[in-house]
């Protein structure tokens, strides 16, 4: 998440939007808020792990890229320690 925050800060002026989704129980909302505190992008809580048009989320955390038309471009970044600007640029920059 810190790498995504840094990338967001560098590219939000170009139209990049980031949304974090938590599948934690609503009773854990205070914990989710505390974990989200360091980040400037919004965090929402989901009631289930199936998203229309996205499919079932089987592993966490997962990062996905959705283009301006709402199409899923990439969804297979699972806990990748190399998720940094070098990995994000080829996928995201053409969409900005």
N, C-alpha and C. Protein backbone atom coordinates (compact mmCIF):
# COMPACT_ATOMS: atom_id res chain seq x y z
N UNK A 1 0.80 -1.19 0.00
CA UNK A 1 0.00 0.00 0.00
C UNK A 1 0.86 1.28 0.00
N UNK A 2 1.99 1.28 0.70
CA UNK A 2 2.82 2.50 0.61
C UNK A 2 3.29 2.79 -0.82
N UNK A 3 3.60 1.76 -1.59
CA UNK A 3 4.01 1.97 -2.98
C UNK A 3 2.85 2.52 -3.81
N UNK A 4 1.66 2.03 -3.55
CA UNK A 4 0.49 2.53 -4.28
C UNK A 4 0.21 3.98 -3.87
N UNK A 5 0.37 4.30 -2.61
CA UNK A 5 0.20 5.69 -2.14
C UNK A 5 1.20 6.61 -2.84
N UNK A 6 2.46 6.20 -2.91
CA UNK A 6 3.48 7.02 -3.57
C UNK A 6 3.14 7.21 -5.04
N UNK A 7 2.70 6.16 -5.70
CA UNK A 7 2.35 6.25 -7.11
C UNK A 7 1.13 7.16 -7.29
N UNK A 8 0.18 7.03 -6.42
CA UNK A 8 -1.01 7.88 -6.46
C UNK A 8 -0.62 9.35 -6.30
N UNK A 9 0.22 9.65 -5.35
CA UNK A 9 0.65 11.03 -5.13
C UNK A 9 1.36 11.59 -6.37
N UNK A 10 2.14 10.75 -7.03
CA UNK A 10 2.88 11.20 -8.21
C UNK A 10 1.99 11.39 -9.44
N UNK A 11 0.84 10.70 -9.50
CA UNK A 11 0.05 10.69 -10.74
C UNK A 11 -1.40 11.13 -10.60
N UNK A 12 -1.83 11.49 -9.42
CA UNK A 12 -3.24 11.86 -9.28
C UNK A 12 -3.60 13.12 -10.06
N UNK A 13 -2.67 14.02 -10.25
CA UNK A 13 -2.94 15.23 -11.04
C UNK A 13 -3.21 14.89 -12.51
N UNK A 14 -2.82 13.69 -12.93
CA UNK A 14 -3.04 13.23 -14.31
C UNK A 14 -4.31 12.40 -14.44
N UNK A 15 -5.07 12.30 -13.36
CA UNK A 15 -6.34 11.58 -13.41
C UNK A 15 -6.36 10.23 -12.73
N UNK A 16 -5.24 9.81 -12.14
CA UNK A 16 -5.22 8.52 -11.45
C UNK A 16 -6.10 8.58 -10.21
N UNK A 17 -6.95 7.59 -10.06
CA UNK A 17 -7.75 7.45 -8.86
C UNK A 17 -7.46 6.09 -8.24
N UNK A 18 -7.40 6.05 -6.94
CA UNK A 18 -7.15 4.81 -6.21
C UNK A 18 -8.27 4.65 -5.19
N UNK A 19 -8.76 3.45 -5.07
CA UNK A 19 -9.78 3.11 -4.08
C UNK A 19 -9.37 1.80 -3.43
N UNK A 20 -9.28 1.79 -2.12
CA UNK A 20 -9.00 0.56 -1.38
C UNK A 20 -10.32 -0.01 -0.90
N UNK A 21 -10.47 -1.31 -1.03
CA UNK A 21 -11.68 -2.00 -0.58
C UNK A 21 -11.31 -2.98 0.51
N UNK A 22 -12.00 -2.88 1.63
CA UNK A 22 -11.77 -3.80 2.74
C UNK A 22 -12.92 -4.79 2.81
N UNK A 23 -12.60 -6.05 3.02
CA UNK A 23 -13.64 -7.07 3.19
C UNK A 23 -13.75 -7.47 4.67
N UNK A 24 -13.17 -6.67 5.55
CA UNK A 24 -13.29 -6.95 6.98
C UNK A 24 -14.74 -6.81 7.42
N UNK A 25 -15.06 -7.38 8.55
CA UNK A 25 -16.39 -7.27 9.12
C UNK A 25 -16.64 -5.82 9.56
N UNK A 26 -17.88 -5.39 9.48
CA UNK A 26 -18.22 -4.02 9.89
C UNK A 26 -17.84 -3.74 11.34
N UNK A 27 -17.84 -4.77 12.18
CA UNK A 27 -17.45 -4.59 13.58
C UNK A 27 -15.98 -4.18 13.70
N UNK A 28 -15.20 -4.41 12.65
CA UNK A 28 -13.78 -4.06 12.65
C UNK A 28 -13.50 -2.74 11.93
N UNK A 29 -14.54 -1.94 11.73
CA UNK A 29 -14.37 -0.68 11.00
C UNK A 29 -13.30 0.21 11.62
N UNK A 30 -13.23 0.28 12.94
CA UNK A 30 -12.22 1.13 13.57
C UNK A 30 -10.80 0.66 13.24
N UNK A 31 -10.61 -0.65 13.14
CA UNK A 31 -9.30 -1.18 12.76
C UNK A 31 -8.98 -0.84 11.31
N UNK A 32 -9.98 -0.92 10.44
CA UNK A 32 -9.78 -0.57 9.03
C UNK A 32 -9.43 0.91 8.91
N UNK A 33 -10.15 1.75 9.63
CA UNK A 33 -9.86 3.19 9.61
C UNK A 33 -8.43 3.47 10.08
N UNK A 34 -8.00 2.79 11.12
CA UNK A 34 -6.64 2.99 11.63
C UNK A 34 -5.60 2.55 10.60
N UNK A 35 -5.84 1.42 9.95
CA UNK A 35 -4.90 0.93 8.93
C UNK A 35 -4.86 1.85 7.72
N UNK A 36 -5.99 2.52 7.42
CA UNK A 36 -6.08 3.39 6.24
C UNK A 36 -5.55 4.80 6.52
N UNK A 37 -5.34 5.13 7.76
CA UNK A 37 -4.95 6.48 8.14
C UNK A 37 -3.76 7.05 7.35
N UNK A 38 -2.70 6.27 7.09
CA UNK A 38 -1.54 6.84 6.39
C UNK A 38 -1.78 7.15 4.91
N UNK A 39 -2.90 6.72 4.37
CA UNK A 39 -3.12 6.83 2.93
C UNK A 39 -4.13 7.93 2.60
N UNK A 40 -3.90 8.62 1.49
CA UNK A 40 -4.77 9.73 1.12
C UNK A 40 -5.91 9.32 0.20
N UNK A 41 -5.89 8.10 -0.32
CA UNK A 41 -6.99 7.65 -1.17
C UNK A 41 -8.09 7.05 -0.29
N UNK A 42 -9.33 7.01 -0.82
CA UNK A 42 -10.45 6.52 0.00
C UNK A 42 -10.41 5.01 0.21
N UNK A 43 -11.01 4.59 1.31
CA UNK A 43 -11.14 3.18 1.65
C UNK A 43 -12.63 2.91 1.89
N UNK A 44 -13.15 1.88 1.25
CA UNK A 44 -14.54 1.49 1.42
C UNK A 44 -14.60 0.07 1.96
N UNK A 45 -15.69 -0.24 2.63
CA UNK A 45 -15.88 -1.58 3.17
C UNK A 45 -16.92 -2.30 2.33
N UNK A 46 -16.60 -3.55 1.94
CA UNK A 46 -17.51 -4.38 1.16
C UNK A 46 -18.26 -5.33 2.06
N UNK A 47 -19.49 -5.66 1.67
CA UNK A 47 -20.26 -6.63 2.44
C UNK A 47 -19.96 -8.06 2.02
N UNK A 48 -19.47 -8.24 0.77
CA UNK A 48 -19.11 -9.59 0.33
C UNK A 48 -17.93 -9.49 -0.62
N UNK A 49 -17.38 -10.63 -1.00
CA UNK A 49 -16.17 -10.64 -1.83
C UNK A 49 -16.47 -10.95 -3.29
N UNK A 50 -17.66 -10.67 -3.74
CA UNK A 50 -17.98 -10.84 -5.15
C UNK A 50 -18.42 -9.49 -5.69
N UNK A 51 -17.70 -9.03 -6.69
CA UNK A 51 -17.99 -7.74 -7.30
C UNK A 51 -18.52 -7.95 -8.71
N UNK A 52 -19.61 -7.32 -9.04
CA UNK A 52 -20.18 -7.43 -10.37
C UNK A 52 -19.15 -7.01 -11.41
N UNK A 53 -18.93 -7.84 -12.41
CA UNK A 53 -17.98 -7.53 -13.47
C UNK A 53 -16.54 -7.84 -13.12
N UNK A 54 -16.27 -8.15 -11.89
CA UNK A 54 -14.91 -8.42 -11.45
C UNK A 54 -14.73 -9.88 -11.12
N UNK A 55 -15.75 -10.47 -10.56
CA UNK A 55 -15.66 -11.87 -10.17
C UNK A 55 -15.34 -12.01 -8.69
N UNK A 56 -15.11 -13.22 -8.29
CA UNK A 56 -14.84 -13.50 -6.88
C UNK A 56 -13.39 -13.17 -6.56
N UNK A 57 -13.20 -12.60 -5.39
CA UNK A 57 -11.86 -12.29 -4.91
C UNK A 57 -11.43 -13.47 -4.04
N UNK A 58 -10.41 -14.19 -4.49
CA UNK A 58 -9.99 -15.41 -3.81
C UNK A 58 -8.81 -15.20 -2.88
N UNK A 59 -7.99 -14.21 -3.17
CA UNK A 59 -6.80 -13.98 -2.35
C UNK A 59 -6.74 -12.52 -1.96
N UNK A 60 -6.15 -12.26 -0.83
CA UNK A 60 -5.99 -10.89 -0.37
C UNK A 60 -4.54 -10.68 0.05
N UNK A 61 -3.99 -9.53 -0.08
CA UNK A 61 -4.56 -8.43 -0.83
C UNK A 61 -4.42 -8.65 -2.33
N UNK A 62 -5.22 -7.95 -3.08
CA UNK A 62 -5.17 -7.99 -4.53
C UNK A 62 -5.26 -6.56 -5.03
N UNK A 63 -4.55 -6.26 -6.08
CA UNK A 63 -4.62 -4.94 -6.72
C UNK A 63 -5.10 -5.13 -8.14
N UNK A 64 -5.92 -4.21 -8.59
CA UNK A 64 -6.46 -4.28 -9.95
C UNK A 64 -6.41 -2.90 -10.57
N UNK A 65 -6.38 -2.88 -11.89
CA UNK A 65 -6.43 -1.62 -12.64
C UNK A 65 -7.70 -1.64 -13.48
N UNK A 66 -8.48 -0.57 -13.34
CA UNK A 66 -9.72 -0.41 -14.09
C UNK A 66 -9.58 0.88 -14.89
N UNK A 67 -9.87 0.82 -16.19
CA UNK A 67 -9.70 2.01 -17.02
C UNK A 67 -10.85 2.99 -16.85
N UNK A 68 -10.79 4.12 -17.56
CA UNK A 68 -11.78 5.18 -17.43
C UNK A 68 -13.18 4.76 -17.85
N UNK A 69 -13.27 3.71 -18.66
CA UNK A 69 -14.57 3.20 -19.09
C UNK A 69 -15.10 2.09 -18.18
N UNK A 70 -14.36 1.81 -17.12
CA UNK A 70 -14.79 0.80 -16.16
C UNK A 70 -14.40 -0.61 -16.52
N UNK A 71 -13.51 -0.78 -17.51
CA UNK A 71 -13.06 -2.12 -17.90
C UNK A 71 -11.88 -2.55 -17.04
N UNK A 72 -11.91 -3.80 -16.63
CA UNK A 72 -10.83 -4.37 -15.86
C UNK A 72 -9.64 -4.62 -16.79
N UNK A 73 -8.53 -3.96 -16.50
CA UNK A 73 -7.33 -4.05 -17.34
C UNK A 73 -6.34 -5.07 -16.79
N UNK A 74 -6.17 -5.09 -15.49
CA UNK A 74 -5.22 -6.00 -14.85
C UNK A 74 -5.73 -6.33 -13.47
N UNK A 75 -5.66 -7.60 -13.09
CA UNK A 75 -6.14 -7.98 -11.76
C UNK A 75 -5.27 -9.02 -11.07
N UNK A 76 -4.11 -9.27 -11.58
CA UNK A 76 -3.34 -10.38 -11.02
C UNK A 76 -2.13 -9.96 -10.19
N UNK A 77 -2.20 -8.81 -9.55
CA UNK A 77 -1.12 -8.41 -8.64
C UNK A 77 -1.48 -8.87 -7.24
N UNK A 78 -0.93 -9.96 -6.81
CA UNK A 78 -1.18 -10.49 -5.47
C UNK A 78 0.08 -10.38 -4.64
N UNK A 79 0.03 -9.63 -3.58
CA UNK A 79 1.14 -9.52 -2.64
C UNK A 79 2.49 -9.57 -3.33
N UNK A 80 2.67 -8.72 -4.29
CA UNK A 80 3.91 -8.69 -5.06
C UNK A 80 4.85 -7.65 -4.45
N UNK A 81 5.97 -8.09 -3.87
CA UNK A 81 6.88 -7.12 -3.26
C UNK A 81 7.50 -6.18 -4.29
N UNK A 82 7.37 -6.50 -5.56
CA UNK A 82 7.93 -5.64 -6.60
C UNK A 82 6.88 -4.69 -7.18
N UNK A 83 5.77 -4.52 -6.51
CA UNK A 83 4.74 -3.61 -6.99
C UNK A 83 5.22 -2.19 -6.67
N UNK A 84 5.88 -1.60 -7.68
CA UNK A 84 6.42 -0.26 -7.54
C UNK A 84 6.20 0.49 -8.84
N UNK A 85 6.76 1.67 -8.97
CA UNK A 85 6.55 2.49 -10.16
C UNK A 85 6.97 1.75 -11.43
N UNK A 86 8.04 1.00 -11.38
CA UNK A 86 8.49 0.27 -12.57
C UNK A 86 7.47 -0.77 -13.01
N UNK A 87 6.77 -1.39 -12.06
CA UNK A 87 5.74 -2.37 -12.40
C UNK A 87 4.43 -1.70 -12.80
N UNK A 88 4.13 -0.56 -12.19
CA UNK A 88 2.87 0.12 -12.45
C UNK A 88 2.88 0.94 -13.75
N UNK A 89 4.00 1.57 -14.05
CA UNK A 89 4.08 2.46 -15.22
C UNK A 89 3.57 1.85 -16.53
N UNK A 90 4.02 0.66 -16.93
CA UNK A 90 3.60 0.13 -18.23
C UNK A 90 2.09 -0.13 -18.33
N UNK A 91 1.45 -0.36 -17.21
CA UNK A 91 0.01 -0.65 -17.21
C UNK A 91 -0.80 0.64 -17.06
N UNK A 92 -0.39 1.51 -16.17
CA UNK A 92 -1.20 2.67 -15.81
C UNK A 92 -0.94 3.90 -16.68
N UNK A 93 0.31 4.20 -16.98
CA UNK A 93 0.60 5.44 -17.73
C UNK A 93 -0.16 5.53 -19.06
N UNK A 94 -0.30 4.46 -19.84
CA UNK A 94 -1.07 4.59 -21.08
C UNK A 94 -2.54 4.92 -20.86
N UNK A 95 -3.04 4.67 -19.67
CA UNK A 95 -4.45 4.92 -19.37
C UNK A 95 -4.71 6.34 -18.88
N UNK A 96 -3.66 7.05 -18.51
CA UNK A 96 -3.84 8.40 -17.95
C UNK A 96 -4.09 9.44 -19.03
